[in-house]
Amino acid sequence: MSVAGKIKGLLAIKGRKNKDLACYLGLAMPQALTNKFTRGSFSSEDLIKIAAFLDCELAFILSDGQKITLDVSDIRDDQL
């Protein structure tokens, strides 16, 4: 499943709307989010914000069980 498909699935599970996510991401038009879904063009900042919007963790889990979590504090100030 693609990243876009997984995000859509999480939106459905959490009962959240595309238009609310678009607003949260600061996209001027909901069509911009549709374009991101179509192209699969999510930046790392987008993914971090989407995880926060959906109250999920975005993490790298190493084979030894260590976990490195990304959250909004990892976004550069000029990207907020």
PDB file of N, CA and C in Angstrom:
ATOM      1  N   MET A   1       0.853  -1.176   0.000  1.00  0.00           N
ATOM      2  CA  MET A   1       0.000   0.000   0.000  1.00  0.00           C
ATOM      3  C   MET A   1       0.901   1.244   0.000  1.00  0.00           C
ATOM      4  N   SER A   2       0.499   2.237  -0.746  1.00  0.00           N
ATOM      5  CA  SER A   2       1.273   3.474  -0.849  1.00  0.00           C
ATOM      6  C   SER A   2       1.149   4.318   0.425  1.00  0.00           C
ATOM      7  N   VAL A   3       2.046   5.278   0.551  1.00  0.00           N
ATOM      8  CA  VAL A   3       1.973   6.204   1.682  1.00  0.00           C
ATOM      9  C   VAL A   3       0.633   6.928   1.663  1.00  0.00           C
ATOM     10  N   ALA A   4       0.222   7.384   0.487  1.00  0.00           N
ATOM     11  CA  ALA A   4      -1.062   8.084   0.363  1.00  0.00           C
ATOM     12  C   ALA A   4      -2.208   7.178   0.808  1.00  0.00           C
ATOM     13  N   GLY A   5      -2.161   5.914   0.417  1.00  0.00           N
ATOM     14  CA  GLY A   5      -3.194   4.968   0.813  1.00  0.00           C
ATOM     15  C   GLY A   5      -3.229   4.751   2.317  1.00  0.00           C
ATOM     16  N   LYS A   6      -2.057   4.698   2.920  1.00  0.00           N
ATOM     17  CA  LYS A   6      -1.997   4.519   4.370  1.00  0.00           C
ATOM     18  C   LYS A   6      -2.535   5.743   5.101  1.00  0.00           C
ATOM     19  N   ILE A   7      -2.219   6.925   4.595  1.00  0.00           N
ATOM     20  CA  ILE A   7      -2.744   8.151   5.212  1.00  0.00           C
ATOM     21  C   ILE A   7      -4.265   8.188   5.085  1.00  0.00           C
ATOM     22  N   LYS A   8      -4.771   7.836   3.911  1.00  0.00           N
ATOM     23  CA  LYS A   8      -6.230   7.798   3.714  1.00  0.00           C
ATOM     24  C   LYS A   8      -6.870   6.801   4.675  1.00  0.00           C
ATOM     25  N   GLY A   9      -6.233   5.649   4.849  1.00  0.00           N
ATOM     26  CA  GLY A   9      -6.750   4.654   5.778  1.00  0.00           C
ATOM     27  C   GLY A   9      -6.767   5.161   7.203  1.00  0.00           C
ATOM     28  N   LEU A  10      -5.697   5.837   7.614  1.00  0.00           N
ATOM     29  CA  LEU A  10      -5.649   6.408   8.965  1.00  0.00           C
ATOM     30  C   LEU A  10      -6.718   7.484   9.154  1.00  0.00           C
ATOM     31  N   LEU A  11      -6.934   8.304   8.132  1.00  0.00           N
ATOM     32  CA  LEU A  11      -7.992   9.314   8.204  1.00  0.00           C
ATOM     33  C   LEU A  11      -9.341   8.642   8.440  1.00  0.00           C
ATOM     34  N   ALA A  12      -9.596   7.552   7.722  1.00  0.00           N
ATOM     35  CA  ALA A  12     -10.866   6.839   7.877  1.00  0.00           C
ATOM     36  C   ALA A  12     -10.983   6.235   9.279  1.00  0.00           C
ATOM     37  N   ILE A  13      -9.919   5.595   9.743  1.00  0.00           N
ATOM     38  CA  ILE A  13      -9.937   4.970  11.076  1.00  0.00           C
ATOM     39  C   ILE A  13     -10.198   6.009  12.156  1.00  0.00           C
ATOM     40  N   LYS A  14      -9.556   7.175  12.014  1.00  0.00           N
ATOM     41  CA  LYS A  14      -9.689   8.234  13.015  1.00  0.00           C
ATOM     42  C   LYS A  14     -10.938   9.092  12.814  1.00  0.00           C
ATOM     43  N   GLY A  15     -11.667   8.865  11.712  1.00  0.00           N
ATOM     44  CA  GLY A  15     -12.885   9.637  11.453  1.00  0.00           C
ATOM     45  C   GLY A  15     -12.609  11.096  11.137  1.00  0.00           C
ATOM     46  N   ARG A  16     -11.491  11.366  10.501  1.00  0.00           N
ATOM     47  CA  ARG A  16     -11.119  12.746  10.161  1.00  0.00           C
ATOM     48  C   ARG A  16     -11.352  12.985   8.671  1.00  0.00           C
ATOM     49  N   LYS A  17     -11.545  14.232   8.311  1.00  0.00           N
ATOM     50  CA  LYS A  17     -11.866  14.624   6.937  1.00  0.00           C
ATOM     51  C   LYS A  17     -10.641  15.194   6.227  1.00  0.00           C
ATOM     52  N   ASN A  18     -10.582  14.963   4.909  1.00  0.00           N
ATOM     53  CA  ASN A  18      -9.502  15.518   4.088  1.00  0.00           C
ATOM     54  C   ASN A  18      -9.423  17.032   4.215  1.00  0.00           C
ATOM     55  N   LYS A  19     -10.580  17.699   4.204  1.00  0.00           N
ATOM     56  CA  LYS A  19     -10.578  19.161   4.247  1.00  0.00           C
ATOM     57  C   LYS A  19      -9.993  19.670   5.567  1.00  0.00           C
ATOM     58  N   ASP A  20     -10.216  18.946   6.663  1.00  0.00           N
ATOM     59  CA  ASP A  20      -9.645  19.343   7.950  1.00  0.00           C
ATOM     60  C   ASP A  20      -8.124  19.159   7.955  1.00  0.00           C
ATOM     61  N   LEU A  21      -7.675  18.068   7.331  1.00  0.00           N
ATOM     62  CA  LEU A  21      -6.230  17.844   7.219  1.00  0.00           C
ATOM     63  C   LEU A  21      -5.598  18.930   6.356  1.00  0.00           C
ATOM     64  N   ALA A  22      -6.230  19.269   5.244  1.00  0.00           N
ATOM     65  CA  ALA A  22      -5.707  20.320   4.366  1.00  0.00           C
ATOM     66  C   ALA A  22      -5.551  21.623   5.135  1.00  0.00           C
ATOM     67  N   CYS A  23      -6.543  21.966   5.921  1.00  0.00           N
ATOM     68  CA  CYS A  23      -6.494  23.184   6.732  1.00  0.00           C
ATOM     69  C   CYS A  23      -5.351  23.090   7.747  1.00  0.00           C
ATOM     70  N   TYR A  24      -5.222  21.951   8.417  1.00  0.00           N
ATOM     71  CA  TYR A  24      -4.169  21.753   9.418  1.00  0.00           C
ATOM     72  C   TYR A  24      -2.782  21.898   8.789  1.00  0.00           C
ATOM     73  N   LEU A  25      -2.637  21.420   7.552  1.00  0.00           N
ATOM     74  CA  LEU A  25      -1.350  21.519   6.859  1.00  0.00           C
ATOM     75  C   LEU A  25      -1.095  22.915   6.299  1.00  0.00           C
ATOM     76  N   GLY A  26      -2.110  23.793   6.398  1.00  0.00           N
ATOM     77  CA  GLY A  26      -1.952  25.155   5.899  1.00  0.00           C
ATOM     78  C   GLY A  26      -2.071  25.262   4.396  1.00  0.00           C
ATOM     79  N   LEU A  27      -2.767  24.312   3.784  1.00  0.00           N
ATOM     80  CA  LEU A  27      -2.949  24.347   2.335  1.00  0.00           C
ATOM     81  C   LEU A  27      -4.112  25.270   2.007  1.00  0.00           C
ATOM     82  N   ALA A  28      -3.893  26.171   1.079  1.00  0.00           N
ATOM     83  CA  ALA A  28      -4.889  27.191   0.749  1.00  0.00           C
ATOM     84  C   ALA A  28      -6.160  26.581   0.177  1.00  0.00           C
ATOM     85  N   MET A  29      -6.009  25.488  -0.570  1.00  0.00           N
ATOM     86  CA  MET A  29      -7.171  24.864  -1.203  1.00  0.00           C
ATOM     87  C   MET A  29      -7.134  23.363  -0.939  1.00  0.00           C
ATOM     88  N   PRO A  30      -8.269  22.755  -0.644  1.00  0.00           N
ATOM     89  CA  PRO A  30      -8.301  21.295  -0.439  1.00  0.00           C
ATOM     90  C   PRO A  30      -7.764  20.518  -1.647  1.00  0.00           C
ATOM     91  N   GLN A  31      -7.863  21.112  -2.844  1.00  0.00           N
ATOM     92  CA  GLN A  31      -7.344  20.462  -4.050  1.00  0.00           C
ATOM     93  C   GLN A  31      -5.850  20.206  -3.927  1.00  0.00           C
ATOM     94  N   ALA A  32      -5.131  21.049  -3.192  1.00  0.00           N
ATOM     95  CA  ALA A  32      -3.693  20.859  -3.011  1.00  0.00           C
ATOM     96  C   ALA A  32      -3.417  19.542  -2.285  1.00  0.00           C
ATOM     97  N   LEU A  33      -4.269  19.179  -1.331  1.00  0.00           N
ATOM     98  CA  LEU A  33      -4.111  17.899  -0.638  1.00  0.00           C
ATOM     99  C   LEU A  33      -4.424  16.747  -1.589  1.00  0.00           C
ATOM    100  N   THR A  34      -5.442  16.899  -2.398  1.00  0.00           N
ATOM    101  CA  THR A  34      -5.771  15.875  -3.391  1.00  0.00           C
ATOM    102  C   THR A  34      -4.584  15.646  -4.311  1.00  0.00           C
ATOM    103  N   ASN A  35      -3.913  16.724  -4.714  1.00  0.00           N
ATOM    104  CA  ASN A  35      -2.734  16.606  -5.563  1.00  0.00           C
ATOM    105  C   ASN A  35      -1.618  15.844  -4.848  1.00  0.00           C
ATOM    106  N   LYS A  36      -1.420  16.117  -3.552  1.00  0.00           N
ATOM    107  CA  LYS A  36      -0.405  15.390  -2.788  1.00  0.00           C
ATOM    108  C   LYS A  36      -0.734  13.898  -2.742  1.00  0.00           C
ATOM    109  N   PHE A  37      -2.020  13.559  -2.544  1.00  0.00           N
ATOM    110  CA  PHE A  37      -2.431  12.162  -2.540  1.00  0.00           C
ATOM    111  C   PHE A  37      -2.168  11.521  -3.899  1.00  0.00           C
ATOM    112  N   THR A  38      -2.531  12.211  -4.972  1.00  0.00           N
ATOM    113  CA  THR A  38      -2.373  11.678  -6.325  1.00  0.00           C
ATOM    114  C   THR A  38      -0.905  11.441  -6.662  1.00  0.00           C
ATOM    115  N   ARG A  39      -0.064  12.401  -6.307  1.00  0.00           N
ATOM    116  CA  ARG A  39       1.360  12.317  -6.644  1.00  0.00           C
ATOM    117  C   ARG A  39       2.176  11.563  -5.595  1.00  0.00           C
ATOM    118  N   GLY A  40       1.615  11.391  -4.409  1.00  0.00           N
ATOM    119  CA  GLY A  40       2.378  10.787  -3.318  1.00  0.00           C
ATOM    120  C   GLY A  40       3.524  11.679  -2.893  1.00  0.00           C
ATOM    121  N   SER A  41       3.287  12.979  -2.945  1.00  0.00           N
ATOM    122  CA  SER A  41       4.362  13.961  -2.725  1.00  0.00           C
ATOM    123  C   SER A  41       4.291  14.592  -1.332  1.00  0.00           C
ATOM    124  N   PHE A  42       4.437  13.770  -0.312  1.00  0.00           N
ATOM    125  CA  PHE A  42       4.417  14.264   1.059  1.00  0.00           C
ATOM    126  C   PHE A  42       5.848  14.492   1.536  1.00  0.00           C
ATOM    127  N   SER A  43       6.121  15.683   2.025  1.00  0.00           N
ATOM    128  CA  SER A  43       7.445  15.979   2.585  1.00  0.00           C
ATOM    129  C   SER A  43       7.550  15.380   3.987  1.00  0.00           C
ATOM    130  N   SER A  44       8.746  15.368   4.518  1.00  0.00           N
ATOM    131  CA  SER A  44       8.910  14.883   5.891  1.00  0.00           C
ATOM    132  C   SER A  44       8.117  15.758   6.850  1.00  0.00           C
ATOM    133  N   GLU A  45       8.087  17.070   6.604  1.00  0.00           N
ATOM    134  CA  GLU A  45       7.304  17.971   7.452  1.00  0.00           C
ATOM    135  C   GLU A  45       5.812  17.640   7.372  1.00  0.00           C
ATOM    136  N   ASP A  46       5.341  17.341   6.154  1.00  0.00           N
ATOM    137  CA  ASP A  46       3.941  16.938   5.986  1.00  0.00           C
ATOM    138  C   ASP A  46       3.639  15.702   6.827  1.00  0.00           C
ATOM    139  N   LEU A  47       4.502  14.696   6.741  1.00  0.00           N
ATOM    140  CA  LEU A  47       4.267  13.443   7.455  1.00  0.00           C
ATOM    141  C   LEU A  47       4.266  13.644   8.959  1.00  0.00           C
ATOM    142  N   ILE A  48       5.155  14.487   9.454  1.00  0.00           N
ATOM    143  CA  ILE A  48       5.191  14.781  10.892  1.00  0.00           C
ATOM    144  C   ILE A  48       3.897  15.472  11.313  1.00  0.00           C
ATOM    145  N   LYS A  49       3.454  16.446  10.519  1.00  0.00           N
ATOM    146  CA  LYS A  49       2.215  17.162  10.848  1.00  0.00           C
ATOM    147  C   LYS A  49       0.999  16.252  10.744  1.00  0.00           C
ATOM    148  N   ILE A  50       0.992  15.366   9.745  1.00  0.00           N
ATOM    149  CA  ILE A  50      -0.121  14.433   9.591  1.00  0.00           C
ATOM    150  C   ILE A  50      -0.197  13.506  10.794  1.00  0.00           C
ATOM    151  N   ALA A  51       0.950  13.011  11.249  1.00  0.00           N
ATOM    152  CA  ALA A  51       0.967  12.152  12.443  1.00  0.00           C
ATOM    153  C   ALA A  51       0.401  12.894  13.642  1.00  0.00           C
ATOM    154  N   ALA A  52       0.781  14.155  13.808  1.00  0.00           N
ATOM    155  CA  ALA A  52       0.253  14.950  14.926  1.00  0.00           C
ATOM    156  C   ALA A  52      -1.257  15.140  14.781  1.00  0.00           C
ATOM    157  N   PHE A  53      -1.713  15.460  13.571  1.00  0.00           N
ATOM    158  CA  PHE A  53      -3.141  15.668  13.310  1.00  0.00           C
ATOM    159  C   PHE A  53      -3.953  14.424  13.651  1.00  0.00           C
ATOM    160  N   LEU A  54      -3.383  13.259  13.360  1.00  0.00           N
ATOM    161  CA  LEU A  54      -4.086  11.999  13.574  1.00  0.00           C
ATOM    162  C   LEU A  54      -3.780  11.365  14.924  1.00  0.00           C
ATOM    163  N   ASP A  55      -3.050  12.092  15.759  1.00  0.00           N
ATOM    164  CA  ASP A  55      -2.681  11.597  17.087  1.00  0.00           C
ATOM    165  C   ASP A  55      -1.994  10.236  16.981  1.00  0.00           C
ATOM    166  N   CYS A  56      -0.996  10.185  16.070  1.00  0.00           N
ATOM    167  CA  CYS A  56      -0.209   8.974  15.829  1.00  0.00           C
ATOM    168  C   CYS A  56       1.274   9.294  16.038  1.00  0.00           C
ATOM    169  N   GLU A  57       2.075   8.248  16.133  1.00  0.00           N
ATOM    170  CA  GLU A  57       3.525   8.402  16.187  1.00  0.00           C
ATOM    171  C   GLU A  57       4.097   8.165  14.797  1.00  0.00           C
ATOM    172  N   LEU A  58       5.118   8.934  14.457  1.00  0.00           N
ATOM    173  CA  LEU A  58       5.896   8.694  13.253  1.00  0.00           C
ATOM    174  C   LEU A  58       7.282   8.311  13.747  1.00  0.00           C
ATOM    175  N   ALA A  59       7.706   7.078  13.473  1.00  0.00           N
ATOM    176  CA  ALA A  59       8.934   6.604  14.095  1.00  0.00           C
ATOM    177  C   ALA A  59       9.707   5.667  13.183  1.00  0.00           C
ATOM    178  N   PHE A  60      11.015   5.618  13.433  1.00  0.00           N
ATOM    179  CA  PHE A  60      11.898   4.611  12.865  1.00  0.00           C
ATOM    180  C   PHE A  60      12.118   3.594  13.980  1.00  0.00           C
ATOM    181  N   ILE A  61      11.848   2.343  13.696  1.00  0.00           N
ATOM    182  CA  ILE A  61      12.052   1.296  14.695  1.00  0.00           C
ATOM    183  C   ILE A  61      13.172   0.396  14.189  1.00  0.00           C
ATOM    184  N   LEU A  62      14.250   0.350  14.951  1.00  0.00           N
ATOM    185  CA  LEU A  62      15.419  -0.426  14.566  1.00  0.00           C
ATOM    186  C   LEU A  62      15.214  -1.901  14.882  1.00  0.00           C
ATOM    187  N   SER A  63      16.012  -2.748  14.249  1.00  0.00           N
ATOM    188  CA  SER A  63      15.857  -4.192  14.430  1.00  0.00           C
ATOM    189  C   SER A  63      16.083  -4.628  15.870  1.00  0.00           C
ATOM    190  N   ASP A  64      16.829  -3.835  16.644  1.00  0.00           N
ATOM    191  CA  ASP A  64      17.060  -4.194  18.049  1.00  0.00           C
ATOM    192  C   ASP A  64      15.986  -3.626  18.978  1.00  0.00           C
ATOM    193  N   GLY A  65      14.937  -3.027  18.388  1.00  0.00           N
ATOM    194  CA  GLY A  65      13.833  -2.518  19.184  1.00  0.00           C
ATOM    195  C   GLY A  65      13.930  -1.044  19.550  1.00  0.00           C
ATOM    196  N   GLN A  66      15.073  -0.416  19.289  1.00  0.00           N
ATOM    197  CA  GLN A  66      15.176   1.024  19.563  1.00  0.00           C
ATOM    198  C   GLN A  66      14.221   1.774  18.640  1.00  0.00           C
ATOM    199  N   LYS A  67      13.676   2.864  19.170  1.00  0.00           N
ATOM    200  CA  LYS A  67      12.711   3.644  18.397  1.00  0.00           C
ATOM    201  C   LYS A  67      13.125   5.105  18.416  1.00  0.00           C
ATOM    202  N   ILE A  68      13.146   5.693  17.232  1.00  0.00           N
ATOM    203  CA  ILE A  68      13.414   7.121  17.091  1.00  0.00           C
ATOM    204  C   ILE A  68      12.140   7.745  16.546  1.00  0.00           C
ATOM    205  N   THR A  69      11.515   8.585  17.377  1.00  0.00           N
ATOM    206  CA  THR A  69      10.235   9.189  17.034  1.00  0.00           C
ATOM    207  C   THR A  69      10.437  10.607  16.514  1.00  0.00           C
ATOM    208  N   LEU A  70       9.688  10.943  15.479  1.00  0.00           N
ATOM    209  CA  LEU A  70       9.691  12.296  14.935  1.00  0.00           C
ATOM    210  C   LEU A  70       8.396  12.979  15.352  1.00  0.00           C
ATOM    211  N   ASP A  71       8.504  14.243  15.776  1.00  0.00           N
ATOM    212  CA  ASP A  71       7.304  15.010  16.126  1.00  0.00           C
ATOM    213  C   ASP A  71       7.498  16.455  15.698  1.00  0.00           C
ATOM    214  N   VAL A  72       6.516  17.287  15.983  1.00  0.00           N
ATOM    215  CA  VAL A  72       6.549  18.670  15.491  1.00  0.00           C
ATOM    216  C   VAL A  72       7.761  19.456  15.993  1.00  0.00           C
ATOM    217  N   SER A  73       8.369  19.038  17.078  1.00  0.00           N
ATOM    218  CA  SER A  73       9.569  19.735  17.551  1.00  0.00           C
ATOM    219  C   SER A  73      10.756  19.514  16.600  1.00  0.00           C
ATOM    220  N   ASP A  74      10.642  18.534  15.707  1.00  0.00           N
ATOM    221  CA  ASP A  74      11.703  18.255  14.743  1.00  0.00           C
ATOM    222  C   ASP A  74      11.586  19.091  13.474  1.00  0.00           C
ATOM    223  N   ILE A  75      10.511  19.852  13.345  1.00  0.00           N
ATOM    224  CA  ILE A  75      10.329  20.698  12.159  1.00  0.00           C
ATOM    225  C   ILE A  75      11.050  22.011  12.404  1.00  0.00           C
ATOM    226  N   ARG A  76      11.792  22.430  11.405  1.00  0.00           N
ATOM    227  CA  ARG A  76      12.489  23.717  11.492  1.00  0.00           C
ATOM    228  C   ARG A  76      11.468  24.825  11.699  1.00  0.00           C
ATOM    229  N   ASP A  77      11.848  25.840  12.494  1.00  0.00           N
ATOM    230  CA  ASP A  77      10.927  26.943  12.801  1.00  0.00           C
ATOM    231  C   ASP A  77      10.388  27.624  11.560  1.00  0.00           C
ATOM    232  N   ASP A  78      11.183  27.729  10.499  1.00  0.00           N
ATOM    233  CA  ASP A  78      10.713  28.398   9.291  1.00  0.00           C
ATOM    234  C   ASP A  78       9.738  27.540   8.496  1.00  0.00           C
ATOM    235  N   GLN A  79       9.508  26.291   8.916  1.00  0.00           N
ATOM    236  CA  GLN A  79       8.566  25.405   8.244  1.00  0.00           C
ATOM    237  C   GLN A  79       7.224  25.347   8.964  1.00  0.00           C
ATOM    238  N   LEU A  80       7.080  25.985  10.117  1.00  0.00           N
ATOM    239  CA  LEU A  80       5.826  25.943  10.876  1.00  0.00           C
ATOM    240  C   LEU A  80       4.884  27.032  10.439  1.00  0.00           C
TER     241      LEU A  80
END
